């Protein structure tokens, strides 16, 4: 079971845009092999950075409007939000240390 927060169009503003801490947003799908590889890493980061970052997931099959609004064409795509703004975006499965480097400067 994932430790991250599932985000949809109803809770996006509250969970992502109004978050008091940086948000690591994962655009993924159940059928995506690389997405399944990144999932356990994101769970580790959720535990290790509890209270410092918020890890959220958006299933692109269920939330195509949000995916379209973010211009998602490949998954997994990781988007870092800080103070309600996109500050970084990376496409593809990455090792843990590279994922950490996406948000570490915002802690």
PDB file of N, CA and C in Angstrom:
ATOM      1  N   UNK A   1       0.831  -1.187   0.000  1.00  0.00           N
ATOM      2  CA  UNK A   1       0.000   0.000   0.000  1.00  0.00           C
ATOM      3  C   UNK A   1       0.874   1.248   0.000  1.00  0.00           C
ATOM      4  N   UNK A   2       0.563   2.162  -0.846  1.00  0.00           N
ATOM      5  CA  UNK A   2       1.338   3.389  -0.991  1.00  0.00           C
ATOM      6  C   UNK A   2       1.119   4.319   0.196  1.00  0.00           C
ATOM      7  N   UNK A   3       2.173   5.001   0.592  1.00  0.00           N
ATOM      8  CA  UNK A   3       2.106   5.955   1.691  1.00  0.00           C
ATOM      9  C   UNK A   3       1.810   7.365   1.203  1.00  0.00           C
ATOM     10  N   UNK A   4       1.865   7.556  -0.092  1.00  0.00           N
ATOM     11  CA  UNK A   4       1.653   8.889  -0.658  1.00  0.00           C
ATOM     12  C   UNK A   4       0.163   9.208  -0.740  1.00  0.00           C
ATOM     13  N   UNK A   5      -0.122  10.462  -1.018  1.00  0.00           N
ATOM     14  CA  UNK A   5      -1.500  10.956  -1.095  1.00  0.00           C
ATOM     15  C   UNK A   5      -1.977  10.890  -2.540  1.00  0.00           C
ATOM     16  N   UNK A   6      -3.135  10.278  -2.749  1.00  0.00           N
ATOM     17  CA  UNK A   6      -3.717  10.261  -4.087  1.00  0.00           C
ATOM     18  C   UNK A   6      -4.412  11.598  -4.330  1.00  0.00           C
ATOM     19  N   UNK A   7      -4.014  12.240  -5.411  1.00  0.00           N
ATOM     20  CA  UNK A   7      -4.540  13.565  -5.736  1.00  0.00           C
ATOM     21  C   UNK A   7      -5.459  13.453  -6.944  1.00  0.00           C
ATOM     22  N   UNK A   8      -6.555  14.213  -6.891  1.00  0.00           N
ATOM     23  CA  UNK A   8      -7.482  14.281  -8.017  1.00  0.00           C
ATOM     24  C   UNK A   8      -7.884  15.741  -8.195  1.00  0.00           C
ATOM     25  N   UNK A   9      -8.759  15.992  -9.143  1.00  0.00           N
ATOM     26  CA  UNK A   9      -9.137  17.379  -9.426  1.00  0.00           C
ATOM     27  C   UNK A   9      -9.849  18.034  -8.243  1.00  0.00           C
ATOM     28  N   UNK A  10     -10.470  17.247  -7.378  1.00  0.00           N
ATOM     29  CA  UNK A  10     -11.177  17.802  -6.226  1.00  0.00           C
ATOM     30  C   UNK A  10     -10.241  18.267  -5.110  1.00  0.00           C
ATOM     31  N   UNK A  11      -9.137  17.548  -4.884  1.00  0.00           N
ATOM     32  CA  UNK A  11      -8.253  17.903  -3.766  1.00  0.00           C
ATOM     33  C   UNK A  11      -6.914  18.498  -4.212  1.00  0.00           C
ATOM     34  N   UNK A  12      -6.739  18.729  -5.514  1.00  0.00           N
ATOM     35  CA  UNK A  12      -5.470  19.235  -6.038  1.00  0.00           C
ATOM     36  C   UNK A  12      -5.068  20.570  -5.405  1.00  0.00           C
ATOM     37  N   UNK A  13      -5.980  21.522  -5.364  1.00  0.00           N
ATOM     38  CA  UNK A  13      -5.647  22.838  -4.801  1.00  0.00           C
ATOM     39  C   UNK A  13      -5.190  22.732  -3.359  1.00  0.00           C
ATOM     40  N   UNK A  14      -5.924  21.971  -2.553  1.00  0.00           N
ATOM     41  CA  UNK A  14      -5.599  21.861  -1.132  1.00  0.00           C
ATOM     42  C   UNK A  14      -4.301  21.091  -0.911  1.00  0.00           C
ATOM     43  N   UNK A  15      -4.157  19.943  -1.553  1.00  0.00           N
ATOM     44  CA  UNK A  15      -3.003  19.078  -1.308  1.00  0.00           C
ATOM     45  C   UNK A  15      -1.715  19.574  -1.957  1.00  0.00           C
ATOM     46  N   UNK A  16      -1.822  20.206  -3.117  1.00  0.00           N
ATOM     47  CA  UNK A  16      -0.627  20.598  -3.872  1.00  0.00           C
ATOM     48  C   UNK A  16      -0.391  22.109  -3.813  1.00  0.00           C
ATOM     49  N   UNK A  17      -1.322  22.882  -4.318  1.00  0.00           N
ATOM     50  CA  UNK A  17      -1.100  24.323  -4.437  1.00  0.00           C
ATOM     51  C   UNK A  17      -1.009  25.028  -3.088  1.00  0.00           C
ATOM     52  N   UNK A  18      -1.749  24.565  -2.094  1.00  0.00           N
ATOM     53  CA  UNK A  18      -1.757  25.221  -0.788  1.00  0.00           C
ATOM     54  C   UNK A  18      -0.872  24.511   0.242  1.00  0.00           C
ATOM     55  N   UNK A  19      -0.068  23.562  -0.205  1.00  0.00           N
ATOM     56  CA  UNK A  19       0.778  22.809   0.720  1.00  0.00           C
ATOM     57  C   UNK A  19       1.817  23.719   1.363  1.00  0.00           C
ATOM     58  N   UNK A  20       1.989  23.614   2.691  1.00  0.00           N
ATOM     59  CA  UNK A  20       2.999  24.419   3.380  1.00  0.00           C
ATOM     60  C   UNK A  20       4.426  23.892   3.164  1.00  0.00           C
ATOM     61  N   UNK A  21       4.548  22.691   2.613  1.00  0.00           N
ATOM     62  CA  UNK A  21       5.858  22.096   2.327  1.00  0.00           C
ATOM     63  C   UNK A  21       5.935  21.777   0.831  1.00  0.00           C
ATOM     64  N   UNK A  22       7.156  21.614   0.288  1.00  0.00           N
ATOM     65  CA  UNK A  22       7.277  21.233  -1.125  1.00  0.00           C
ATOM     66  C   UNK A  22       6.536  19.923  -1.423  1.00  0.00           C
ATOM     67  N   UNK A  23       6.025  19.810  -2.642  1.00  0.00           N
ATOM     68  CA  UNK A  23       5.262  18.630  -3.051  1.00  0.00           C
ATOM     69  C   UNK A  23       5.990  17.930  -4.197  1.00  0.00           C
ATOM     70  N   UNK A  24       6.186  16.627  -4.032  1.00  0.00           N
ATOM     71  CA  UNK A  24       6.698  15.771  -5.091  1.00  0.00           C
ATOM     72  C   UNK A  24       5.488  15.070  -5.676  1.00  0.00           C
ATOM     73  N   UNK A  25       5.135  15.440  -6.899  1.00  0.00           N
ATOM     74  CA  UNK A  25       3.931  14.955  -7.561  1.00  0.00           C
ATOM     75  C   UNK A  25       4.319  13.933  -8.620  1.00  0.00           C
ATOM     76  N   UNK A  26       3.792  12.729  -8.496  1.00  0.00           N
ATOM     77  CA  UNK A  26       4.108  11.630  -9.406  1.00  0.00           C
ATOM     78  C   UNK A  26       2.920  11.363 -10.317  1.00  0.00           C
ATOM     79  N   UNK A  27       3.111  11.584 -11.617  1.00  0.00           N
ATOM     80  CA  UNK A  27       2.100  11.222 -12.610  1.00  0.00           C
ATOM     81  C   UNK A  27       2.419   9.803 -13.051  1.00  0.00           C
ATOM     82  N   UNK A  28       1.466   8.893 -12.891  1.00  0.00           N
ATOM     83  CA  UNK A  28       1.717   7.475 -13.104  1.00  0.00           C
ATOM     84  C   UNK A  28       0.468   6.779 -13.639  1.00  0.00           C
ATOM     85  N   UNK A  29       0.613   5.475 -13.948  1.00  0.00           N
ATOM     86  CA  UNK A  29      -0.520   4.622 -14.315  1.00  0.00           C
ATOM     87  C   UNK A  29      -0.208   3.199 -13.856  1.00  0.00           C
ATOM     88  N   UNK A  30      -1.257   2.461 -13.568  1.00  0.00           N
ATOM     89  CA  UNK A  30      -1.127   1.086 -13.070  1.00  0.00           C
ATOM     90  C   UNK A  30      -0.350   0.192 -14.037  1.00  0.00           C
ATOM     91  N   UNK A  31      -0.552   0.372 -15.341  1.00  0.00           N
ATOM     92  CA  UNK A  31       0.046  -0.481 -16.367  1.00  0.00           C
ATOM     93  C   UNK A  31       1.492  -0.116 -16.689  1.00  0.00           C
ATOM     94  N   UNK A  32       2.010   0.946 -16.113  1.00  0.00           N
ATOM     95  CA  UNK A  32       3.337   1.479 -16.449  1.00  0.00           C
ATOM     96  C   UNK A  32       4.426   0.808 -15.606  1.00  0.00           C
ATOM     97  N   UNK A  33       5.273   0.010 -16.261  1.00  0.00           N
ATOM     98  CA  UNK A  33       6.367  -0.686 -15.575  1.00  0.00           C
ATOM     99  C   UNK A  33       7.326   0.244 -14.841  1.00  0.00           C
ATOM    100  N   UNK A  34       7.862   1.270 -15.515  1.00  0.00           N
ATOM    101  CA  UNK A  34       8.757   2.199 -14.820  1.00  0.00           C
ATOM    102  C   UNK A  34       8.076   2.906 -13.641  1.00  0.00           C
ATOM    103  N   UNK A  35       6.777   3.160 -13.748  1.00  0.00           N
ATOM    104  CA  UNK A  35       6.031   3.774 -12.631  1.00  0.00           C
ATOM    105  C   UNK A  35       6.047   2.853 -11.421  1.00  0.00           C
ATOM    106  N   UNK A  36       5.892   1.549 -11.662  1.00  0.00           N
ATOM    107  CA  UNK A  36       5.901   0.582 -10.557  1.00  0.00           C
ATOM    108  C   UNK A  36       7.295   0.488  -9.934  1.00  0.00           C
ATOM    109  N   UNK A  37       8.338   0.772 -10.707  1.00  0.00           N
ATOM    110  CA  UNK A  37       9.699   0.774 -10.156  1.00  0.00           C
ATOM    111  C   UNK A  37       9.910   1.985  -9.236  1.00  0.00           C
ATOM    112  N   UNK A  38       9.330   3.111  -9.589  1.00  0.00           N
ATOM    113  CA  UNK A  38       9.502   4.350  -8.822  1.00  0.00           C
ATOM    114  C   UNK A  38       8.654   4.326  -7.546  1.00  0.00           C
ATOM    115  N   UNK A  39       7.530   3.634  -7.557  1.00  0.00           N
ATOM    116  CA  UNK A  39       6.605   3.615  -6.423  1.00  0.00           C
ATOM    117  C   UNK A  39       7.244   3.333  -5.070  1.00  0.00           C
ATOM    118  N   UNK A  40       8.011   2.231  -4.931  1.00  0.00           N
ATOM    119  CA  UNK A  40       8.629   1.941  -3.635  1.00  0.00           C
ATOM    120  C   UNK A  40       9.635   3.013  -3.194  1.00  0.00           C
ATOM    121  N   UNK A  41      10.308   3.627  -4.141  1.00  0.00           N
ATOM    122  CA  UNK A  41      11.246   4.713  -3.813  1.00  0.00           C
ATOM    123  C   UNK A  41      10.475   5.895  -3.239  1.00  0.00           C
ATOM    124  N   UNK A  42       9.339   6.216  -3.845  1.00  0.00           N
ATOM    125  CA  UNK A  42       8.524   7.325  -3.346  1.00  0.00           C
ATOM    126  C   UNK A  42       7.981   7.026  -1.957  1.00  0.00           C
ATOM    127  N   UNK A  43       7.644   5.754  -1.695  1.00  0.00           N
ATOM    128  CA  UNK A  43       7.196   5.380  -0.354  1.00  0.00           C
ATOM    129  C   UNK A  43       8.309   5.603   0.666  1.00  0.00           C
ATOM    130  N   UNK A  44       9.552   5.248   0.297  1.00  0.00           N
ATOM    131  CA  UNK A  44      10.704   5.478   1.192  1.00  0.00           C
ATOM    132  C   UNK A  44      10.869   6.974   1.465  1.00  0.00           C
ATOM    133  N   UNK A  45      10.781   7.775   0.411  1.00  0.00           N
ATOM    134  CA  UNK A  45      10.946   9.220   0.568  1.00  0.00           C
ATOM    135  C   UNK A  45       9.835   9.816   1.430  1.00  0.00           C
ATOM    136  N   UNK A  46       8.617   9.275   1.297  1.00  0.00           N
ATOM    137  CA  UNK A  46       7.497   9.738   2.112  1.00  0.00           C
ATOM    138  C   UNK A  46       7.817   9.554   3.591  1.00  0.00           C
ATOM    139  N   UNK A  47       8.378   8.404   3.929  1.00  0.00           N
ATOM    140  CA  UNK A  47       8.743   8.127   5.321  1.00  0.00           C
ATOM    141  C   UNK A  47       9.924   8.982   5.773  1.00  0.00           C
ATOM    142  N   UNK A  48      10.977   9.010   4.965  1.00  0.00           N
ATOM    143  CA  UNK A  48      12.213   9.687   5.349  1.00  0.00           C
ATOM    144  C   UNK A  48      12.064  11.204   5.457  1.00  0.00           C
ATOM    145  N   UNK A  49      11.209  11.779   4.653  1.00  0.00           N
ATOM    146  CA  UNK A  49      11.052  13.240   4.632  1.00  0.00           C
ATOM    147  C   UNK A  49       9.695  13.675   5.189  1.00  0.00           C
ATOM    148  N   UNK A  50       9.112  12.861   6.047  1.00  0.00           N
ATOM    149  CA  UNK A  50       7.824  13.169   6.647  1.00  0.00           C
ATOM    150  C   UNK A  50       7.864  14.545   7.316  1.00  0.00           C
ATOM    151  N   UNK A  51       6.894  15.395   6.954  1.00  0.00           N
ATOM    152  CA  UNK A  51       6.836  16.738   7.504  1.00  0.00           C
ATOM    153  C   UNK A  51       7.680  17.754   6.756  1.00  0.00           C
ATOM    154  N   UNK A  52       8.571  17.270   5.864  1.00  0.00           N
ATOM    155  CA  UNK A  52       9.450  18.167   5.101  1.00  0.00           C
ATOM    156  C   UNK A  52       9.009  18.295   3.648  1.00  0.00           C
ATOM    157  N   UNK A  53       8.500  17.185   3.089  1.00  0.00           N
ATOM    158  CA  UNK A  53       7.910  17.199   1.749  1.00  0.00           C
ATOM    159  C   UNK A  53       6.624  16.387   1.798  1.00  0.00           C
ATOM    160  N   UNK A  54       5.800  16.602   0.810  1.00  0.00           N
ATOM    161  CA  UNK A  54       4.580  15.820   0.658  1.00  0.00           C
ATOM    162  C   UNK A  54       4.685  15.095  -0.676  1.00  0.00           C
ATOM    163  N   UNK A  55       4.491  13.774  -0.647  1.00  0.00           N
ATOM    164  CA  UNK A  55       4.526  12.983  -1.876  1.00  0.00           C
ATOM    165  C   UNK A  55       3.087  12.682  -2.282  1.00  0.00           C
ATOM    166  N   UNK A  56       2.746  13.079  -3.498  1.00  0.00           N
ATOM    167  CA  UNK A  56       1.394  12.884  -4.022  1.00  0.00           C
ATOM    168  C   UNK A  56       1.465  12.152  -5.355  1.00  0.00           C
ATOM    169  N   UNK A  57       0.411  11.406  -5.660  1.00  0.00           N
ATOM    170  CA  UNK A  57       0.350  10.655  -6.913  1.00  0.00           C
ATOM    171  C   UNK A  57      -0.924  11.033  -7.672  1.00  0.00           C
ATOM    172  N   UNK A  58      -0.770  11.147  -8.982  1.00  0.00           N
ATOM    173  CA  UNK A  58      -1.921  11.368  -9.858  1.00  0.00           C
ATOM    174  C   UNK A  58      -1.932  10.266 -10.904  1.00  0.00           C
ATOM    175  N   UNK A  59      -2.992   9.472 -10.893  1.00  0.00           N
ATOM    176  CA  UNK A  59      -3.162   8.416 -11.880  1.00  0.00           C
ATOM    177  C   UNK A  59      -3.663   9.067 -13.176  1.00  0.00           C
ATOM    178  N   UNK A  60      -2.848   9.015 -14.222  1.00  0.00           N
ATOM    179  CA  UNK A  60      -3.191   9.718 -15.467  1.00  0.00           C
ATOM    180  C   UNK A  60      -4.412   9.122 -16.160  1.00  0.00           C
ATOM    181  N   UNK A  61      -4.693   7.847 -15.917  1.00  0.00           N
ATOM    182  CA  UNK A  61      -5.878   7.231 -16.518  1.00  0.00           C
ATOM    183  C   UNK A  61      -7.161   7.739 -15.869  1.00  0.00           C
ATOM    184  N   UNK A  62      -7.085   8.073 -14.592  1.00  0.00           N
ATOM    185  CA  UNK A  62      -8.267   8.544 -13.865  1.00  0.00           C
ATOM    186  C   UNK A  62      -8.383  10.066 -13.873  1.00  0.00           C
ATOM    187  N   UNK A  63      -7.279  10.752 -14.052  1.00  0.00           N
ATOM    188  CA  UNK A  63      -7.255  12.218 -13.969  1.00  0.00           C
ATOM    189  C   UNK A  63      -6.608  12.820 -15.217  1.00  0.00           C
ATOM    190  N   UNK A  64      -7.194  12.526 -16.401  1.00  0.00           N
ATOM    191  CA  UNK A  64      -6.587  13.029 -17.641  1.00  0.00           C
ATOM    192  C   UNK A  64      -6.642  14.549 -17.743  1.00  0.00           C
ATOM    193  N   UNK A  65      -7.608  15.191 -17.088  1.00  0.00           N
ATOM    194  CA  UNK A  65      -7.669  16.654 -17.127  1.00  0.00           C
ATOM    195  C   UNK A  65      -6.456  17.255 -16.416  1.00  0.00           C
ATOM    196  N   UNK A  66      -6.118  16.724 -15.247  1.00  0.00           N
ATOM    197  CA  UNK A  66      -4.939  17.212 -14.525  1.00  0.00           C
ATOM    198  C   UNK A  66      -3.653  16.900 -15.290  1.00  0.00           C
ATOM    199  N   UNK A  67      -3.586  15.710 -15.874  1.00  0.00           N
ATOM    200  CA  UNK A  67      -2.409  15.345 -16.665  1.00  0.00           C
ATOM    201  C   UNK A  67      -2.274  16.279 -17.866  1.00  0.00           C
ATOM    202  N   UNK A  68      -3.381  16.570 -18.521  1.00  0.00           N
ATOM    203  CA  UNK A  68      -3.351  17.476 -19.667  1.00  0.00           C
ATOM    204  C   UNK A  68      -2.949  18.882 -19.279  1.00  0.00           C
ATOM    205  N   UNK A  69      -3.443  19.347 -18.141  1.00  0.00           N
ATOM    206  CA  UNK A  69      -3.106  20.679 -17.664  1.00  0.00           C
ATOM    207  C   UNK A  69      -1.611  20.809 -17.377  1.00  0.00           C
ATOM    208  N   UNK A  70      -0.976  19.687 -17.043  1.00  0.00           N
ATOM    209  CA  UNK A  70       0.465  19.683 -16.769  1.00  0.00           C
ATOM    210  C   UNK A  70       1.292  19.299 -18.009  1.00  0.00           C
ATOM    211  N   UNK A  71       0.627  19.039 -19.123  1.00  0.00           N
ATOM    212  CA  UNK A  71       1.339  18.693 -20.351  1.00  0.00           C
ATOM    213  C   UNK A  71       2.032  17.345 -20.294  1.00  0.00           C
ATOM    214  N   UNK A  72       1.468  16.405 -19.543  1.00  0.00           N
ATOM    215  CA  UNK A  72       2.093  15.095 -19.378  1.00  0.00           C
ATOM    216  C   UNK A  72       1.895  14.269 -20.646  1.00  0.00           C
ATOM    217  N   UNK A  73       3.004  13.858 -21.256  1.00  0.00           N
ATOM    218  CA  UNK A  73       2.944  13.003 -22.446  1.00  0.00           C
ATOM    219  C   UNK A  73       3.647  11.671 -22.213  1.00  0.00           C
ATOM    220  N   UNK A  74       4.517  11.593 -21.213  1.00  0.00           N
ATOM    221  CA  UNK A  74       5.214  10.356 -20.859  1.00  0.00           C
ATOM    222  C   UNK A  74       5.152  10.182 -19.353  1.00  0.00           C
ATOM    223  N   UNK A  75       5.088   8.924 -18.923  1.00  0.00           N
ATOM    224  CA  UNK A  75       5.090   8.640 -17.491  1.00  0.00           C
ATOM    225  C   UNK A  75       6.146   7.582 -17.181  1.00  0.00           C
ATOM    226  N   UNK A  76       6.669   7.569 -15.985  1.00  0.00           N
ATOM    227  CA  UNK A  76       6.358   8.491 -14.901  1.00  0.00           C
ATOM    228  C   UNK A  76       6.943   9.882 -15.162  1.00  0.00           C
ATOM    229  N   UNK A  77       6.223  10.885 -14.714  1.00  0.00           N
ATOM    230  CA  UNK A  77       6.730  12.258 -14.700  1.00  0.00           C
ATOM    231  C   UNK A  77       6.636  12.742 -13.265  1.00  0.00           C
ATOM    232  N   UNK A  78       7.750  13.238 -12.755  1.00  0.00           N
ATOM    233  CA  UNK A  78       7.800  13.791 -11.410  1.00  0.00           C
ATOM    234  C   UNK A  78       7.826  15.310 -11.515  1.00  0.00           C
ATOM    235  N   UNK A  79       6.943  15.964 -10.778  1.00  0.00           N
ATOM    236  CA  UNK A  79       6.847  17.417 -10.778  1.00  0.00           C
ATOM    237  C   UNK A  79       7.027  17.894  -9.343  1.00  0.00           C
ATOM    238  N   UNK A  80       7.895  18.878  -9.157  1.00  0.00           N
ATOM    239  CA  UNK A  80       8.097  19.456  -7.837  1.00  0.00           C
ATOM    240  C   UNK A  80       7.376  20.794  -7.784  1.00  0.00           C
ATOM    241  N   UNK A  81       6.490  20.918  -6.814  1.00  0.00           N
ATOM    242  CA  UNK A  81       5.800  22.176  -6.537  1.00  0.00           C
ATOM    243  C   UNK A  81       6.390  22.766  -5.268  1.00  0.00           C
ATOM    244  N   UNK A  82       6.628  24.055  -5.271  1.00  0.00           N
ATOM    245  CA  UNK A  82       7.050  24.759  -4.074  1.00  0.00           C
ATOM    246  C   UNK A  82       6.291  26.083  -4.022  1.00  0.00           C
ATOM    247  N   UNK A  83       5.625  26.342  -2.919  1.00  0.00           N
ATOM    248  CA  UNK A  83       4.807  27.550  -2.767  1.00  0.00           C
ATOM    249  C   UNK A  83       3.781  27.689  -3.891  1.00  0.00           C
ATOM    250  N   UNK A  84       3.180  26.570  -4.292  1.00  0.00           N
ATOM    251  CA  UNK A  84       2.122  26.590  -5.292  1.00  0.00           C
ATOM    252  C   UNK A  84       2.577  26.722  -6.733  1.00  0.00           C
ATOM    253  N   UNK A  85       3.894  26.689  -6.961  1.00  0.00           N
ATOM    254  CA  UNK A  85       4.447  26.848  -8.314  1.00  0.00           C
ATOM    255  C   UNK A  85       5.273  25.623  -8.706  1.00  0.00           C
ATOM    256  N   UNK A  86       5.242  25.279  -9.995  1.00  0.00           N
ATOM    257  CA  UNK A  86       6.117  24.210 -10.494  1.00  0.00           C
ATOM    258  C   UNK A  86       7.534  24.755 -10.544  1.00  0.00           C
ATOM    259  N   UNK A  87       8.458  24.052  -9.882  1.00  0.00           N
ATOM    260  CA  UNK A  87       9.851  24.489  -9.865  1.00  0.00           C
ATOM    261  C   UNK A  87      10.782  23.503 -10.567  1.00  0.00           C
ATOM    262  N   UNK A  88      10.348  22.259 -10.713  1.00  0.00           N
ATOM    263  CA  UNK A  88      11.137  21.253 -11.432  1.00  0.00           C
ATOM    264  C   UNK A  88      10.199  20.214 -12.022  1.00  0.00           C
ATOM    265  N   UNK A  89      10.664  19.587 -13.113  1.00  0.00           N
ATOM    266  CA  UNK A  89       9.897  18.503 -13.723  1.00  0.00           C
ATOM    267  C   UNK A  89      10.883  17.543 -14.363  1.00  0.00           C
ATOM    268  N   UNK A  90      10.653  16.249 -14.185  1.00  0.00           N
ATOM    269  CA  UNK A  90      11.552  15.231 -14.728  1.00  0.00           C
ATOM    270  C   UNK A  90      10.730  14.048 -15.223  1.00  0.00           C
ATOM    271  N   UNK A  91      11.030  13.588 -16.431  1.00  0.00           N
ATOM    272  CA  UNK A  91      10.338  12.441 -17.012  1.00  0.00           C
ATOM    273  C   UNK A  91      11.223  11.211 -16.882  1.00  0.00           C
ATOM    274  N   UNK A  92      10.613  10.086 -16.535  1.00  0.00           N
ATOM    275  CA  UNK A  92      11.316   8.815 -16.500  1.00  0.00           C
ATOM    276  C   UNK A  92      11.587   8.317 -15.094  1.00  0.00           C
ATOM    277  N   UNK A  93      11.860   7.017 -15.019  1.00  0.00           N
ATOM    278  CA  UNK A  93      12.191   6.391 -13.745  1.00  0.00           C
ATOM    279  C   UNK A  93      13.619   6.776 -13.364  1.00  0.00           C
ATOM    280  N   UNK A  94      13.784   7.198 -12.129  1.00  0.00           N
ATOM    281  CA  UNK A  94      15.083   7.640 -11.633  1.00  0.00           C
ATOM    282  C   UNK A  94      15.440   6.893 -10.362  1.00  0.00           C
ATOM    283  N   UNK A  95      16.737   6.748 -10.067  1.00  0.00           N
ATOM    284  CA  UNK A  95      17.132   6.184  -8.782  1.00  0.00           C
ATOM    285  C   UNK A  95      16.839   7.179  -7.656  1.00  0.00           C
ATOM    286  N   UNK A  96      16.800   6.666  -6.452  1.00  0.00           N
ATOM    287  CA  UNK A  96      16.413   7.473  -5.291  1.00  0.00           C
ATOM    288  C   UNK A  96      17.235   8.749  -5.159  1.00  0.00           C
ATOM    289  N   UNK A  97      18.533   8.667  -5.313  1.00  0.00           N
ATOM    290  CA  UNK A  97      19.391   9.844  -5.114  1.00  0.00           C
ATOM    291  C   UNK A  97      19.071  10.954  -6.117  1.00  0.00           C
ATOM    292  N   UNK A  98      18.708  10.588  -7.327  1.00  0.00           N
ATOM    293  CA  UNK A  98      18.351  11.596  -8.331  1.00  0.00           C
ATOM    294  C   UNK A  98      16.981  12.215  -8.040  1.00  0.00           C
ATOM    295  N   UNK A  99      16.067  11.407  -7.524  1.00  0.00           N
ATOM    296  CA  UNK A  99      14.763  11.950  -7.141  1.00  0.00           C
ATOM    297  C   UNK A  99      14.949  12.937  -5.986  1.00  0.00           C
ATOM    298  N   UNK A 100      15.783  12.574  -5.018  1.00  0.00           N
ATOM    299  CA  UNK A 100      16.056  13.479  -3.893  1.00  0.00           C
ATOM    300  C   UNK A 100      16.653  14.802  -4.375  1.00  0.00           C
ATOM    301  N   UNK A 101      17.496  14.727  -5.386  1.00  0.00           N
ATOM    302  CA  UNK A 101      18.136  15.955  -5.888  1.00  0.00           C
ATOM    303  C   UNK A 101      17.127  16.908  -6.528  1.00  0.00           C
ATOM    304  N   UNK A 102      15.956  16.392  -6.947  1.00  0.00           N
ATOM    305  CA  UNK A 102      14.931  17.243  -7.537  1.00  0.00           C
ATOM    306  C   UNK A 102      14.335  18.214  -6.518  1.00  0.00           C
ATOM    307  N   UNK A 103      14.238  17.775  -5.260  1.00  0.00           N
ATOM    308  CA  UNK A 103      13.582  18.621  -4.248  1.00  0.00           C
ATOM    309  C   UNK A 103      14.477  19.088  -3.122  1.00  0.00           C
ATOM    310  N   UNK A 104      15.690  18.574  -3.019  1.00  0.00           N
ATOM    311  CA  UNK A 104      16.539  18.866  -1.850  1.00  0.00           C
ATOM    312  C   UNK A 104      16.834  20.350  -1.659  1.00  0.00           C
ATOM    313  N   UNK A 105      16.947  21.096  -2.719  1.00  0.00           N
ATOM    314  CA  UNK A 105      17.266  22.531  -2.578  1.00  0.00           C
ATOM    315  C   UNK A 105      16.072  23.343  -2.065  1.00  0.00           C
ATOM    316  N   UNK A 106      14.900  22.730  -1.981  1.00  0.00           N
ATOM    317  CA  UNK A 106      13.703  23.437  -1.511  1.00  0.00           C
ATOM    318  C   UNK A 106      13.346  23.105  -0.063  1.00  0.00           C
ATOM    319  N   UNK A 107      14.162  22.287   0.572  1.00  0.00           N
ATOM    320  CA  UNK A 107      13.887  21.910   1.968  1.00  0.00           C
ATOM    321  C   UNK A 107      14.329  23.004   2.919  1.00  0.00           C
TER     322      UNK A 107
END
